Protein backbone atom coordinates (compact mmCIF):
# COMPACT_ATOMS: atom_id res chain seq x y z
CA MET A 1 19.30 4.64 -0.70
CA SER A 2 17.61 3.49 2.47
CA GLU A 3 17.90 7.03 3.88
CA ASP A 4 15.75 8.28 0.99
CA PHE A 5 13.30 5.51 1.70
CA LYS A 6 13.18 6.38 5.42
CA GLU A 7 12.32 9.98 4.50
CA ILE A 8 9.45 8.76 2.30
CA ILE A 9 8.19 6.54 5.13
CA ASP A 10 8.40 9.37 7.68
CA SER A 11 6.46 11.79 5.49
CA SER A 12 3.96 9.27 4.14
CA PHE A 13 1.05 10.47 6.32
CA ASP A 14 1.58 14.16 5.42
CA ASN A 15 -1.18 14.25 2.76
CA GLY A 16 -3.56 11.59 4.05
CA THR A 17 -3.49 7.89 4.82
CA PRO A 18 -0.98 5.84 2.85
CA PHE A 19 -1.12 2.13 2.09
CA TRP A 20 1.87 0.10 3.32
CA ILE A 21 2.31 -3.66 3.25
CA TYR A 22 5.42 -5.75 3.74
CA SER A 23 6.82 -9.25 3.40
CA GLU A 24 10.14 -10.87 4.13
CA ASP A 25 11.26 -9.86 0.61
CA TYR A 26 9.90 -6.37 0.05
CA ILE A 27 7.90 -3.34 1.21
CA PHE A 28 5.17 -1.87 -0.98
CA GLY A 29 3.46 1.47 -0.49
CA MET A 30 1.04 3.89 -2.05
CA VAL A 31 1.48 7.40 -0.65
CA PRO A 32 -0.80 10.34 -1.48
CA ILE A 33 1.15 13.19 -3.07
CA ASP A 34 -1.54 15.83 -2.66
CA PRO A 35 -4.10 16.27 0.16
CA GLU A 36 -6.97 15.55 -2.25
CA GLY A 37 -5.52 12.16 -3.18
CA ASN A 38 -5.52 12.80 -6.92
CA ARG A 39 -1.88 11.70 -7.37
CA TRP A 40 -0.07 8.85 -5.64
CA LYS A 41 3.48 7.65 -5.29
CA GLU A 42 3.96 3.91 -5.65
CA ILE A 43 6.97 2.75 -3.66
CA SER A 44 8.60 -0.65 -3.88
CA TYR A 45 11.64 -1.56 -1.80
CA THR A 46 13.13 -4.98 -2.51
CA PHE A 47 15.58 -6.15 0.14
CA GLU A 48 17.67 -8.47 -2.05
CA ASP A 49 18.13 -6.05 -4.97
CA PRO A 50 21.65 -4.61 -4.52
CA GLU A 51 21.52 -2.38 -7.60
CA GLU A 52 18.15 -0.65 -7.29
CA PRO A 53 16.19 -1.69 -4.20
CA LEU A 54 13.98 1.44 -4.23
CA ILE A 55 11.62 2.09 -7.14
CA ILE A 56 9.24 5.06 -7.09
CA THR A 57 6.52 5.73 -9.65
CA GLU A 58 4.02 8.58 -9.62
CA ARG A 59 0.51 8.02 -11.01
CA ASP A 60 -2.99 9.43 -10.95
CA ALA A 61 -5.50 7.89 -8.54
CA ASP A 62 -7.27 5.70 -11.13
CA LEU A 63 -4.09 3.97 -12.23
CA SER A 64 -2.79 3.81 -8.65
CA PHE A 65 -5.95 1.95 -7.64
CA GLN A 66 -5.32 -0.65 -10.34
CA PHE A 67 -1.71 -1.15 -9.23
CA LEU A 68 -2.70 -1.37 -5.56
CA MET A 69 -5.25 -4.04 -6.36
CA GLU A 70 -2.75 -5.96 -8.47
CA GLU A 71 -0.21 -5.88 -5.64
CA VAL A 72 -2.74 -7.21 -3.14
CA GLU A 73 -4.13 -9.86 -5.51
CA LYS A 74 -0.87 -11.11 -7.02
CA GLY A 75 1.95 -9.86 -4.81
CA ILE A 76 1.23 -10.02 -1.11
CA SER A 77 -1.25 -12.88 -1.56
CA PHE A 78 1.79 -15.07 -2.30
CA TYR A 79 2.96 -14.44 1.30
CA VAL A 80 -0.40 -14.40 3.12
CA GLU A 81 -2.02 -17.82 2.87
CA ASP A 82 -5.35 -16.86 4.41
CA LEU A 83 -5.85 -13.65 2.39
CA LYS A 84 -9.43 -13.56 1.16
CA ILE A 85 -8.84 -12.11 -2.31
CA SER A 86 -12.42 -12.72 -3.42
CA LEU A 87 -13.74 -10.51 -0.58
CA ILE A 88 -11.26 -7.77 -1.44
CA LYS A 89 -12.28 -7.95 -5.11
CA GLU A 90 -15.93 -7.85 -4.08
CA TYR A 91 -15.33 -4.69 -2.06
CA ALA A 92 -13.35 -3.15 -4.95
CA THR A 93 -16.23 -3.91 -7.33
CA SER A 94 -18.56 -1.94 -5.05
CA LEU A 95 -16.39 1.12 -5.78
CA GLU A 96 -16.77 0.95 -9.59
CA ASN A 97 -18.84 4.13 -9.91
CA LYS A 98 -16.52 6.23 -7.75
CA SER A 99 -13.64 8.42 -8.86
CA GLY A 100 -10.09 7.11 -8.64
CA THR A 101 -9.47 9.34 -5.64
CA GLU A 102 -12.51 7.94 -3.83
CA LYS A 103 -11.52 4.38 -4.76
CA MET A 104 -8.02 4.82 -3.33
CA LYS A 105 -9.21 6.35 -0.09
CA SER A 106 -12.01 3.78 0.28
CA ILE A 107 -9.93 0.65 -0.36
CA ILE A 108 -7.14 1.83 1.95
CA SER A 109 -9.61 2.67 4.68
CA GLU A 110 -11.39 -0.65 4.26
CA LEU A 111 -8.20 -2.72 4.39
CA ILE A 112 -6.90 -0.84 7.43
CA ASP A 113 -10.16 -0.65 9.39
CA ASN A 114 -11.39 -4.16 8.62
CA THR A 115 -8.16 -6.11 8.22
CA VAL A 116 -9.48 -9.15 10.11
CA ASN A 117 -12.24 -9.59 7.52
CA TYR A 118 -9.56 -10.32 4.93
CA SER A 119 -6.79 -12.08 6.85
CA ASP A 120 -5.57 -12.85 10.34
CA LYS A 121 -2.01 -12.17 9.17
CA PHE A 122 -2.32 -9.27 6.73
CA PRO A 123 0.98 -7.35 7.03
CA ILE A 124 -0.46 -3.84 6.73
CA ILE A 125 0.59 -0.64 8.47
CA LYS A 126 -2.45 0.89 10.13
CA THR A 127 -1.07 3.94 11.95
CA LYS A 128 1.76 6.42 11.81
CA ALA A 129 3.20 4.84 14.96
CA GLU A 130 3.58 1.52 13.11
CA LEU A 131 5.89 3.09 10.49
CA GLN A 132 8.79 2.11 12.74
CA LEU A 133 8.03 -1.49 11.77
CA LEU A 134 8.94 -0.67 8.16
CA LYS A 135 12.11 1.20 9.07
CA SER A 136 13.27 -1.62 11.34
CA ARG A 137 13.23 -3.96 8.32
CA LEU A 138 15.83 -1.89 6.44
């Protein structure tokens, strides 16, 4: 199973910039399926799940944005004590009038480019070179 996951990680920048975060318990990603960013693959890899550690769900950009925000607000925030959820929500609110595709690209860009505004310890993958960090956790 982890070989399938490694392939997903390796190809995750093929259609644009993905969103990857990680904790000691899991890895979470949103990977664009098409170059426009209209469809996204949500990937969750849970280290301690022996039966089905890898779960993949495909969604449109609007729904993917909602799931990404939920993961940041309720998932990774459990692991990152200094995560400024209110600032992330504020930024997300500024995207209300944009399409799902624009929201996804904007929030990912914002969290990657301005990570320090939201946390000193935000475990986010910023570049293709950092993908090795994810694979080393498997």
